[in-house]
Amino acid sequence: MAKIFVEAYGCSASFADSEMISGLIVNGGHTLATDSTESDLNLIVTCSVKDTTADKMMYRIKSLKTKPLIVAGCLPKAEKENVEKFTKNASLLGPSSLGKTLEVINSTLGGKKQIALEDSDVSKVGLPKVRLNPTVGIVEIASGCMSECTFCQTKLSKGDLSSYRLGDIVRQVKTEIKEGCKEVWLTSTDNGCYGLDIGTDLPSLVNTVSEIPEDFMIRVGMMNPMYMPRIKEKLIESYDNKKVFKFLHIPVQSGSDKVLNDMKRGHTSQTFREIVKKTKEKFDNFTISTDIIVGFPSETEEDFQKTIQLLDETKPDVVNLSKYSARPGTDAAELEQIDAAEVKRRSKVIFDQINNISLESNKKWIGWKGKVLFDENTEEGIKGRNYAYKPIAVDEKVKIGDSHIVEITNATRKRLIGKIAS
C-alpha cells in the first residue's frame, strides 16, 4: 500500500478525472496523501489549453518529479515529447485512459515507466471517486468533441465525441445526491454536441435529470455556439425548472465572423446574439458566461473592434479573457503571429471593458433577496450561489452545503455581497 498525492488543473472535466483517479487509488488499496512531501508517488492531472497553463504544468512537473511521478490529463496526450523533455522517467496517463490507472500506478511504484495514452474501453460514468468538494458532484456526460478549432489542443488530447448513455448518467447523478451532493455539474469538452452520436440531445438529458425527485441544483456546463441553433428552443425550455441554475457558458471567442471562420468555430457572432436575446426574453435574470480570445493571428484592428461592439451589445455577465497563444500541433500555430505588444494592448482594452460590464451587471442585484446554496470553500471563506449562479459572499459564518435566505447589499465585479436575512 502506497501514499499517493493527486493534484489537478484545468476545466471541471479535469477535476472530475482527478476525483475518479483518486477513487480508483483508494479502491485499489492505496491511500491518498494530503501533500507531496509525504507521498510515495505523485500524480498530476494536467491542462494544456494555453501557453501560460502549460508553462505552469511544466514547473509543477519539475517540482513533483523528485519522487515517482505520473503525468496524467491533456498535456501528455497533446505534447508527449515536451513532457518527456522535462521528465524522462515519469509514466504517462491519457485523459481517456483511466481504466489503466492502477496498472500505471503499480508499474511506476515498481520502478518501471509506463505509457498509457490510448483510449481505454472503461466508461467514466460509474467509476468510484473521492470528491474535491462534498457539496458538488461533477458528472461527465461525454468525452471528446466534434469541433476542429484551429487554435485548440483539446481535440488532440480527447479525440472525437463519445457521449455516455442517458440512463447511466442519471444513475450517476442519483449516486452523487445519495452521497450528499447538493449541486450537480453536467460537464464535458462540449455539452452542446452531447448525444449527436447516440440519438439524443442535451435538453433531453437536462429534462430527465431534473425529474429526479431529490432537492438539488443542476449546473449545465460549457457548450459551443455552433450546436445551439438545433437545440436552442428545447434547451431554453429545459431551463424553465427550479432545479436548473439560470446559467449558460457559451464561448463566442470573437465578434468578427471572419476570425470565427478562420478559427473554424462553426458559428457566427449573430448565433451568440440570438442565444443571449432568447434567454433574456425568457428569464428576468439569467447569467451568460462567455470566452474571448484576443490576438488570433488573422485578427485585424477592425475585427478587434467588432469584438468590443459585440460585448457592448450583449453585455455578458462573465467573460473569460485569453490572449491568443500558439499551441503545438494546431493549425493556427503555423500562421504569422501578431506582435505580442499589440496582443497585450488589445487584452487590456477588453479587460477594462468587461470589468465595467461585470460591475454594472452585479450592481443590478443589490436589494435582491432569496435562497443561496453555499457550495464553494475558497481562501477568502465559503461562497454561495443563487438561482442564477451568481457568486455570493456573506460576513456571517456558514457551513459548506448550507442554504440560507440572503439579502444582497453590495456588489463588486467578481461577486455579490450580502447578509443572511433573519
Protein backbone atom coordinates (compact mmCIF):
# COMPACT_ATOMS: atom_id res chain seq x y z
CA MET A 1 0.00 0.00 0.00
CA ALA A 2 1.40 3.38 -1.04
CA LYS A 3 0.60 7.00 -0.26
CA ILE A 4 -0.26 8.86 -3.46
CA PHE A 5 -0.58 12.60 -3.90
CA VAL A 6 -3.02 13.76 -6.62
CA GLU A 7 -3.05 17.32 -7.96
CA ALA A 8 -5.35 18.64 -10.71
CA TYR A 9 -5.57 21.65 -13.00
CA GLY A 10 -7.84 22.88 -15.78
CA CYS A 11 -11.52 22.53 -16.53
CA SER A 12 -14.23 20.82 -14.50
CA ALA A 13 -13.75 17.65 -16.58
CA SER A 14 -10.11 17.51 -15.47
CA PHE A 15 -11.14 17.86 -11.84
CA ALA A 16 -13.74 15.13 -12.39
CA ASP A 17 -10.96 12.91 -13.79
CA SER A 18 -8.85 13.58 -10.70
CA GLU A 19 -11.76 12.59 -8.45
CA MET A 20 -12.14 9.29 -10.32
CA ILE A 21 -8.38 8.65 -10.28
CA SER A 22 -8.45 9.21 -6.50
CA GLY A 23 -11.39 6.83 -6.18
CA LEU A 24 -9.58 4.14 -8.14
CA ILE A 25 -6.47 4.67 -5.97
CA VAL A 26 -8.43 4.13 -2.75
CA ASN A 27 -10.35 1.16 -4.18
CA GLY A 28 -7.02 -0.30 -5.28
CA GLY A 29 -5.75 -0.47 -1.71
CA HIS A 30 -3.60 2.67 -1.67
CA THR A 31 -4.15 5.84 0.37
CA LEU A 32 -4.25 9.49 -0.62
CA ALA A 33 -1.54 11.82 0.66
CA THR A 34 -2.53 15.38 1.53
CA ASP A 35 0.85 16.75 0.48
CA SER A 36 3.60 15.74 -1.96
CA THR A 37 6.15 15.76 0.87
CA GLU A 38 4.52 12.72 2.48
CA SER A 39 3.79 10.73 -0.66
CA ASP A 40 5.39 7.65 -2.20
CA LEU A 41 4.18 8.68 -5.65
CA ASN A 42 2.90 11.92 -7.17
CA LEU A 43 0.22 12.17 -9.87
CA ILE A 44 -0.63 15.42 -11.65
CA VAL A 45 -3.71 15.80 -13.86
CA THR A 46 -2.66 18.44 -16.39
CA CYS A 47 -4.23 21.02 -18.69
CA SER A 48 -2.73 22.28 -21.96
CA VAL A 49 -5.24 24.88 -23.12
CA LYS A 50 -2.86 27.88 -23.06
CA ASP A 51 0.88 28.56 -23.08
CA THR A 52 0.75 30.05 -19.59
CA THR A 53 -1.10 26.98 -18.30
CA ALA A 54 1.32 24.59 -19.99
CA ASP A 55 4.27 26.50 -18.51
CA LYS A 56 2.73 26.17 -15.07
CA MET A 57 2.28 22.43 -15.65
CA MET A 58 5.94 22.03 -16.58
CA TYR A 59 7.00 23.92 -13.46
CA ARG A 60 4.87 21.64 -11.29
CA ILE A 61 6.14 18.54 -13.08
CA LYS A 62 9.72 19.54 -12.28
CA SER A 63 8.72 20.12 -8.64
CA LEU A 64 6.98 16.76 -8.29
CA LYS A 65 9.48 14.53 -10.13
CA THR A 66 11.73 14.12 -7.08
CA LYS A 67 9.53 11.07 -6.42
CA PRO A 68 7.97 8.51 -8.75
CA LEU A 69 5.64 10.55 -10.96
CA ILE A 70 2.65 10.04 -13.24
CA VAL A 71 1.70 12.87 -15.61
CA ALA A 72 -1.98 12.49 -16.50
CA GLY A 73 -4.56 14.57 -18.36
CA CYS A 74 -4.36 16.51 -21.60
CA LEU A 75 -0.70 17.57 -21.69
CA PRO A 76 0.95 14.15 -22.16
CA LYS A 77 -1.54 13.25 -24.90
CA ALA A 78 -1.11 16.53 -26.79
CA GLU A 79 2.59 17.19 -26.09
CA LYS A 80 4.20 13.86 -25.18
CA GLU A 81 7.68 14.84 -26.38
CA ASN A 82 7.66 18.12 -24.45
CA VAL A 83 6.61 16.38 -21.25
CA GLU A 84 9.36 13.80 -21.65
CA LYS A 85 11.94 16.57 -22.07
CA PHE A 86 11.13 17.69 -18.54
CA THR A 87 10.79 14.25 -17.00
CA LYS A 88 12.18 11.21 -18.82
CA ASN A 89 11.19 8.70 -16.16
CA ALA A 90 7.58 9.73 -15.45
CA SER A 91 4.73 7.47 -16.53
CA LEU A 92 2.03 9.00 -18.74
CA LEU A 93 -1.74 8.55 -18.45
CA GLY A 94 -4.14 9.99 -21.04
CA PRO A 95 -7.46 11.71 -20.27
CA SER A 96 -9.42 8.78 -21.71
CA SER A 97 -7.18 6.06 -20.26
CA LEU A 98 -8.48 5.99 -16.69
CA GLY A 99 -9.09 2.24 -16.93
CA LYS A 100 -5.30 1.83 -16.81
CA THR A 101 -4.85 3.95 -13.65
CA LEU A 102 -3.98 1.20 -11.16
CA GLU A 103 -1.84 -0.64 -13.68
CA VAL A 104 0.21 2.50 -14.34
CA ILE A 105 0.47 3.31 -10.63
CA ASN A 106 1.69 -0.15 -9.69
CA SER A 107 4.17 -0.21 -12.56
CA THR A 108 5.54 3.22 -11.60
CA LEU A 109 5.84 2.24 -7.93
CA GLY A 110 7.83 -0.78 -9.11
CA GLY A 111 10.31 1.49 -10.88
CA LYS A 112 9.03 0.85 -14.40
CA LYS A 113 7.82 3.70 -16.60
CA GLN A 114 4.52 3.02 -18.38
CA ILE A 115 2.83 4.99 -21.14
CA ALA A 116 -0.95 4.65 -21.35
CA LEU A 117 -2.23 7.29 -23.75
CA GLU A 118 -4.60 5.20 -25.84
CA ASP A 119 -8.32 5.35 -25.04
CA SER A 120 -9.48 2.54 -22.74
CA ASP A 121 -12.87 0.88 -23.03
CA VAL A 122 -13.84 1.93 -19.49
CA SER A 123 -16.66 4.48 -19.27
CA LYS A 124 -16.08 7.33 -16.84
CA VAL A 125 -19.69 7.13 -15.68
CA GLY A 126 -19.94 4.94 -12.59
CA LEU A 127 -16.28 4.93 -11.61
CA PRO A 128 -15.53 5.36 -7.87
CA LYS A 129 -14.49 8.84 -6.82
CA VAL A 130 -13.14 10.90 -3.97
CA ARG A 131 -14.76 14.33 -4.26
CA LEU A 132 -12.79 17.55 -4.03
CA ASN A 133 -15.97 19.26 -2.78
CA PRO A 134 -18.52 17.16 -0.83
CA THR A 135 -21.32 19.50 -1.91
CA VAL A 136 -20.66 19.31 -5.67
CA GLY A 137 -20.97 16.20 -7.82
CA ILE A 138 -19.13 16.55 -11.15
CA VAL A 139 -20.66 14.20 -13.72
CA GLU A 140 -19.01 13.83 -17.12
CA ILE A 141 -21.64 13.30 -19.82
CA ALA A 142 -19.26 12.74 -22.75
CA SER A 143 -15.63 12.75 -23.79
CA GLY A 144 -14.11 14.42 -26.83
CA CYS A 145 -15.86 16.82 -29.19
CA MET A 146 -16.93 17.31 -32.80
CA SER A 147 -15.16 20.62 -33.43
CA GLU A 148 -11.94 21.26 -35.37
CA CYS A 149 -10.93 24.62 -33.88
CA THR A 150 -7.63 25.80 -35.33
CA PHE A 151 -6.35 27.21 -32.02
CA CYS A 152 -7.26 24.37 -29.66
CA GLN A 153 -5.36 21.28 -28.50
CA THR A 154 -8.38 19.63 -26.89
CA LYS A 155 -9.21 17.52 -29.94
CA LEU A 156 -5.61 16.26 -29.98
CA SER A 157 -5.98 15.24 -26.34
CA LYS A 158 -9.52 13.89 -26.16
CA GLY A 159 -10.45 12.88 -29.69
CA ASP A 160 -13.91 12.58 -31.21
CA LEU A 161 -17.20 12.81 -29.37
CA SER A 162 -18.26 9.82 -27.30
CA SER A 163 -21.49 10.51 -25.40
CA TYR A 164 -22.41 8.45 -22.36
CA ARG A 165 -25.86 6.89 -22.21
CA LEU A 166 -28.58 8.95 -20.62
CA GLY A 167 -29.58 6.18 -18.20
CA ASP A 168 -26.00 5.74 -16.99
CA ILE A 169 -25.68 9.48 -16.38
CA VAL A 170 -28.94 9.59 -14.42
CA ARG A 171 -27.76 6.71 -12.22
CA GLN A 172 -24.51 8.57 -11.57
CA VAL A 173 -26.41 11.75 -10.65
CA LYS A 174 -28.56 9.76 -8.22
CA THR A 175 -25.39 8.39 -6.63
CA GLU A 176 -23.97 11.89 -6.23
CA ILE A 177 -27.14 13.06 -4.50
CA LYS A 178 -27.36 9.96 -2.30
CA GLU A 179 -23.81 10.61 -1.14
CA GLY A 180 -24.62 14.14 -0.02
CA CYS A 181 -24.17 16.41 -3.03
CA LYS A 182 -26.49 19.41 -3.21
CA GLU A 183 -25.27 20.54 -6.63
CA VAL A 184 -24.55 18.52 -9.77
CA TRP A 185 -22.40 19.74 -12.65
CA LEU A 186 -23.11 18.20 -16.07
CA THR A 187 -19.77 18.61 -17.80
CA SER A 188 -17.80 17.57 -20.88
CA THR A 189 -15.50 19.04 -23.50
CA ASP A 190 -18.56 20.46 -25.26
CA ASN A 191 -22.05 19.88 -23.84
CA GLY A 192 -23.67 21.34 -26.96
CA CYS A 193 -22.97 18.28 -29.08
CA TYR A 194 -23.94 15.79 -26.37
CA GLY A 195 -25.97 12.92 -27.80
CA LEU A 196 -25.36 13.57 -31.50
CA ASP A 197 -23.61 10.21 -31.73
CA ILE A 198 -26.22 8.22 -29.78
CA GLY A 199 -29.52 9.72 -30.93
CA THR A 200 -30.33 12.09 -28.08
CA ASP A 201 -29.51 15.67 -27.06
CA LEU A 202 -28.66 17.92 -24.13
CA PRO A 203 -32.21 19.23 -23.47
CA SER A 204 -33.44 15.64 -23.12
CA LEU A 205 -30.68 14.95 -20.60
CA VAL A 206 -31.39 18.11 -18.58
CA ASN A 207 -35.11 17.33 -18.50
CA THR A 208 -34.51 13.75 -17.38
CA VAL A 209 -32.04 14.72 -14.65
CA SER A 210 -34.46 17.43 -13.46
CA GLU A 211 -37.08 14.73 -12.87
CA ILE A 212 -35.01 13.14 -10.09
CA PRO A 213 -37.18 13.96 -7.04
CA GLU A 214 -34.49 14.93 -4.50
CA ASP A 215 -33.63 18.53 -3.59
CA PHE A 216 -30.54 19.56 -5.61
CA MET A 217 -29.38 22.06 -8.23
CA ILE A 218 -28.05 21.40 -11.74
CA ARG A 219 -25.30 23.42 -13.40
CA VAL A 220 -25.12 22.83 -17.15
CA GLY A 221 -21.53 23.16 -18.35
CA MET A 222 -19.88 24.78 -21.35
CA MET A 223 -21.34 24.39 -24.82
CA ASN A 224 -20.05 25.76 -28.10
CA PRO A 225 -22.42 28.08 -30.04
CA MET A 226 -22.22 26.09 -33.28
CA TYR A 227 -24.58 23.42 -31.94
CA MET A 228 -27.04 25.82 -30.34
CA PRO A 229 -29.36 26.54 -33.30
CA ARG A 230 -30.60 22.93 -33.40
CA ILE A 231 -31.28 22.69 -29.63
CA LYS A 232 -31.84 26.35 -28.66
CA GLU A 233 -35.61 26.31 -28.20
CA LYS A 234 -35.68 22.96 -26.36
CA LEU A 235 -32.71 23.91 -24.20
CA ILE A 236 -34.23 27.18 -23.03
CA GLU A 237 -37.44 25.30 -22.18
CA SER A 238 -35.40 22.76 -20.17
CA TYR A 239 -34.02 25.65 -18.10
CA ASP A 240 -37.56 26.53 -17.03
CA ASN A 241 -37.20 24.28 -13.99
CA LYS A 242 -36.34 25.50 -10.50
CA LYS A 243 -33.61 22.85 -10.21
CA VAL A 244 -31.58 24.25 -13.12
CA PHE A 245 -29.25 27.17 -12.48
CA LYS A 246 -30.09 30.01 -14.86
CA PHE A 247 -26.53 29.98 -16.16
CA LEU A 248 -25.15 29.38 -19.62
CA HIS A 249 -21.46 29.19 -20.56
CA ILE A 250 -21.24 29.70 -24.30
CA PRO A 251 -17.79 30.75 -25.64
CA VAL A 252 -18.14 33.10 -28.60
CA GLN A 253 -14.33 33.79 -28.80
CA SER A 254 -14.62 36.74 -31.22
CA GLY A 255 -17.10 39.29 -32.53
CA SER A 256 -15.70 39.02 -36.07
CA ASP A 257 -17.26 36.44 -38.38
CA LYS A 258 -14.06 36.39 -40.45
CA VAL A 259 -11.98 35.47 -37.39
CA LEU A 260 -14.57 32.90 -36.30
CA ASN A 261 -14.32 31.33 -39.75
CA ASP A 262 -10.51 31.27 -39.52
CA MET A 263 -10.85 29.65 -36.10
CA LYS A 264 -13.22 27.06 -37.62
CA ARG A 265 -15.69 27.74 -34.85
CA GLY A 266 -18.73 26.82 -36.96
CA HIS A 267 -20.88 29.73 -35.74
CA THR A 268 -21.28 33.45 -36.35
CA SER A 269 -21.47 36.35 -33.94
CA GLN A 270 -25.19 36.51 -34.69
CA THR A 271 -25.59 32.97 -33.29
CA PHE A 272 -24.36 34.28 -29.95
CA ARG A 273 -26.54 37.39 -30.12
CA GLU A 274 -29.66 35.30 -30.71
CA ILE A 275 -28.95 32.99 -27.77
CA VAL A 276 -28.44 35.93 -25.42
CA LYS A 277 -31.64 37.56 -26.68
CA LYS A 278 -33.70 34.38 -26.25
CA THR A 279 -32.53 33.76 -22.69
CA LYS A 280 -33.12 37.37 -21.66
CA GLU A 281 -36.63 37.25 -23.15
CA LYS A 282 -37.47 34.03 -21.33
CA PHE A 283 -35.96 34.80 -17.91
CA ASP A 284 -35.78 38.03 -15.90
CA ASN A 285 -32.33 37.23 -14.54
CA PHE A 286 -30.07 34.88 -16.46
CA THR A 287 -26.28 34.68 -16.24
CA ILE A 288 -24.40 34.50 -19.53
CA SER A 289 -20.74 33.48 -19.41
CA THR A 290 -18.54 33.55 -22.48
CA ASP A 291 -14.90 33.32 -23.57
CA ILE A 292 -12.94 35.80 -25.68
CA ILE A 293 -9.57 35.28 -27.38
CA VAL A 294 -7.71 38.42 -28.45
CA GLY A 295 -4.78 38.42 -30.85
CA PHE A 296 -5.71 35.44 -33.05
CA PRO A 297 -3.21 35.58 -35.98
CA SER A 298 -5.74 36.87 -38.53
CA GLU A 299 -7.43 39.38 -36.20
CA THR A 300 -7.18 42.92 -37.61
CA GLU A 301 -7.99 46.12 -35.72
CA GLU A 302 -11.39 46.10 -37.45
CA ASP A 303 -12.02 42.54 -36.22
CA PHE A 304 -11.00 43.55 -32.72
CA GLN A 305 -13.45 46.47 -32.75
CA LYS A 306 -16.23 44.04 -33.70
CA THR A 307 -15.47 42.05 -30.56
CA ILE A 308 -15.73 45.23 -28.48
CA GLN A 309 -19.05 46.01 -30.18
CA LEU A 310 -20.42 42.51 -29.54
CA LEU A 311 -19.61 42.72 -25.84
CA ASP A 312 -21.22 46.16 -25.61
CA GLU A 313 -24.37 44.86 -27.30
CA THR A 314 -24.78 41.58 -25.39
CA LYS A 315 -23.21 42.54 -22.03
CA PRO A 316 -22.35 39.00 -20.86
CA ASP A 317 -22.14 38.74 -17.06
CA VAL A 318 -18.88 36.79 -17.11
CA VAL A 319 -16.11 36.96 -19.73
CA ASN A 320 -13.12 34.63 -19.57
CA LEU A 321 -10.44 36.58 -21.43
CA SER A 322 -7.38 34.95 -23.02
CA LYS A 323 -4.51 36.30 -25.06
CA TYR A 324 -4.00 34.02 -28.06
CA SER A 325 -1.09 31.64 -27.69
CA ALA A 326 0.12 29.24 -30.38
CA ARG A 327 -0.33 25.69 -29.14
CA PRO A 328 1.85 22.94 -30.66
CA GLY A 329 0.07 20.79 -33.22
CA THR A 330 -2.69 23.28 -34.03
CA ASP A 331 -3.30 24.84 -37.46
CA ALA A 332 -3.17 28.42 -36.18
CA ALA A 333 0.31 27.88 -34.77
CA GLU A 334 1.57 27.76 -38.38
CA LEU A 335 0.23 31.24 -39.18
CA GLU A 336 2.15 34.51 -38.88
CA GLN A 337 1.62 35.72 -35.32
CA ILE A 338 0.59 39.20 -34.16
CA ASP A 339 3.17 41.20 -32.23
CA ALA A 340 2.99 40.40 -28.51
CA ALA A 341 2.81 44.07 -27.51
CA GLU A 342 -0.25 44.57 -29.71
CA VAL A 343 -1.94 41.49 -28.27
CA LYS A 344 -1.25 42.84 -24.79
CA ARG A 345 -2.78 46.21 -25.72
CA ARG A 346 -5.94 44.62 -27.06
CA SER A 347 -6.20 42.43 -23.99
CA LYS A 348 -6.02 45.48 -21.71
CA VAL A 349 -8.79 47.24 -23.64
CA ILE A 350 -11.12 44.23 -23.37
CA PHE A 351 -10.14 43.65 -19.73
CA ASP A 352 -11.23 47.15 -18.76
CA GLN A 353 -14.42 46.80 -20.78
CA ILE A 354 -15.51 43.51 -19.22
CA ASN A 355 -14.73 44.76 -15.72
CA ASN A 356 -17.17 47.62 -16.28
CA ILE A 357 -19.80 45.28 -17.73
CA SER A 358 -19.44 42.81 -14.83
CA LEU A 359 -19.75 45.53 -12.19
CA GLU A 360 -22.78 47.02 -13.93
CA SER A 361 -24.39 43.57 -14.12
CA ASN A 362 -23.72 42.72 -10.48
CA LYS A 363 -24.99 46.06 -9.14
CA LYS A 364 -28.42 45.23 -10.57
CA TRP A 365 -28.70 42.51 -7.91
CA ILE A 366 -28.43 44.93 -4.96
CA GLY A 367 -31.66 44.62 -2.96
CA TRP A 368 -32.41 41.07 -4.20
CA LYS A 369 -33.40 38.58 -1.50
CA GLY A 370 -33.56 34.84 -1.95
CA LYS A 371 -32.12 31.38 -1.38
CA VAL A 372 -28.38 30.85 -1.63
CA LEU A 373 -26.57 27.49 -1.61
CA PHE A 374 -23.10 27.77 -0.07
CA ASP A 375 -21.10 25.47 -2.29
CA GLU A 376 -17.50 26.68 -2.51
CA ASN A 377 -14.69 26.79 0.05
CA THR A 378 -12.20 29.49 -1.01
CA GLU A 379 -9.19 31.16 0.58
CA GLU A 380 -11.48 34.08 1.38
CA GLY A 381 -14.10 31.89 3.04
CA ILE A 382 -17.16 29.93 1.98
CA LYS A 383 -19.03 31.38 -1.00
CA GLY A 384 -22.52 30.65 -2.24
CA ARG A 385 -24.61 30.79 -5.43
CA ASN A 386 -28.15 31.91 -6.09
CA TYR A 387 -30.51 30.57 -8.76
CA ALA A 388 -28.65 32.49 -11.49
CA TYR A 389 -25.32 31.05 -10.30
CA LYS A 390 -24.13 34.44 -9.09
CA PRO A 391 -21.22 34.11 -6.61
CA ILE A 392 -22.21 35.49 -3.20
CA ALA A 393 -20.18 36.26 -0.07
CA VAL A 394 -21.55 36.98 3.42
CA ASP A 395 -19.85 38.08 6.64
CA GLU A 396 -21.67 35.51 8.75
CA LYS A 397 -20.14 32.10 9.36
CA VAL A 398 -21.73 29.40 7.23
CA LYS A 399 -21.04 25.74 6.54
CA ILE A 400 -20.36 24.21 3.15
CA GLY A 401 -23.60 22.72 1.86
CA ASP A 402 -25.84 25.07 3.85
CA SER A 403 -28.67 27.04 2.27
CA HIS A 404 -29.77 30.42 3.62
CA ILE A 405 -32.01 33.30 2.63
CA VAL A 406 -29.62 36.15 1.76
CA GLU A 407 -30.21 39.81 1.00
CA ILE A 408 -27.71 41.46 -1.39
CA THR A 409 -26.33 44.73 0.00
CA ASN A 410 -23.38 45.46 -2.31
CA ALA A 411 -21.52 44.18 -5.36
CA THR A 412 -18.05 44.04 -6.88
CA ARG A 413 -17.12 42.98 -10.39
CA LYS A 414 -16.42 39.46 -9.13
CA ARG A 415 -19.20 38.78 -6.66
CA LEU A 416 -22.31 39.88 -4.83
CA ILE A 417 -22.07 40.76 -1.15
CA GLY A 418 -24.94 40.08 1.19
CA LYS A 419 -26.20 39.32 4.65
CA ILE A 420 -28.19 36.38 5.92
CA ALA A 421 -31.79 37.50 6.37
CA SER A 422 -33.45 36.84 9.71
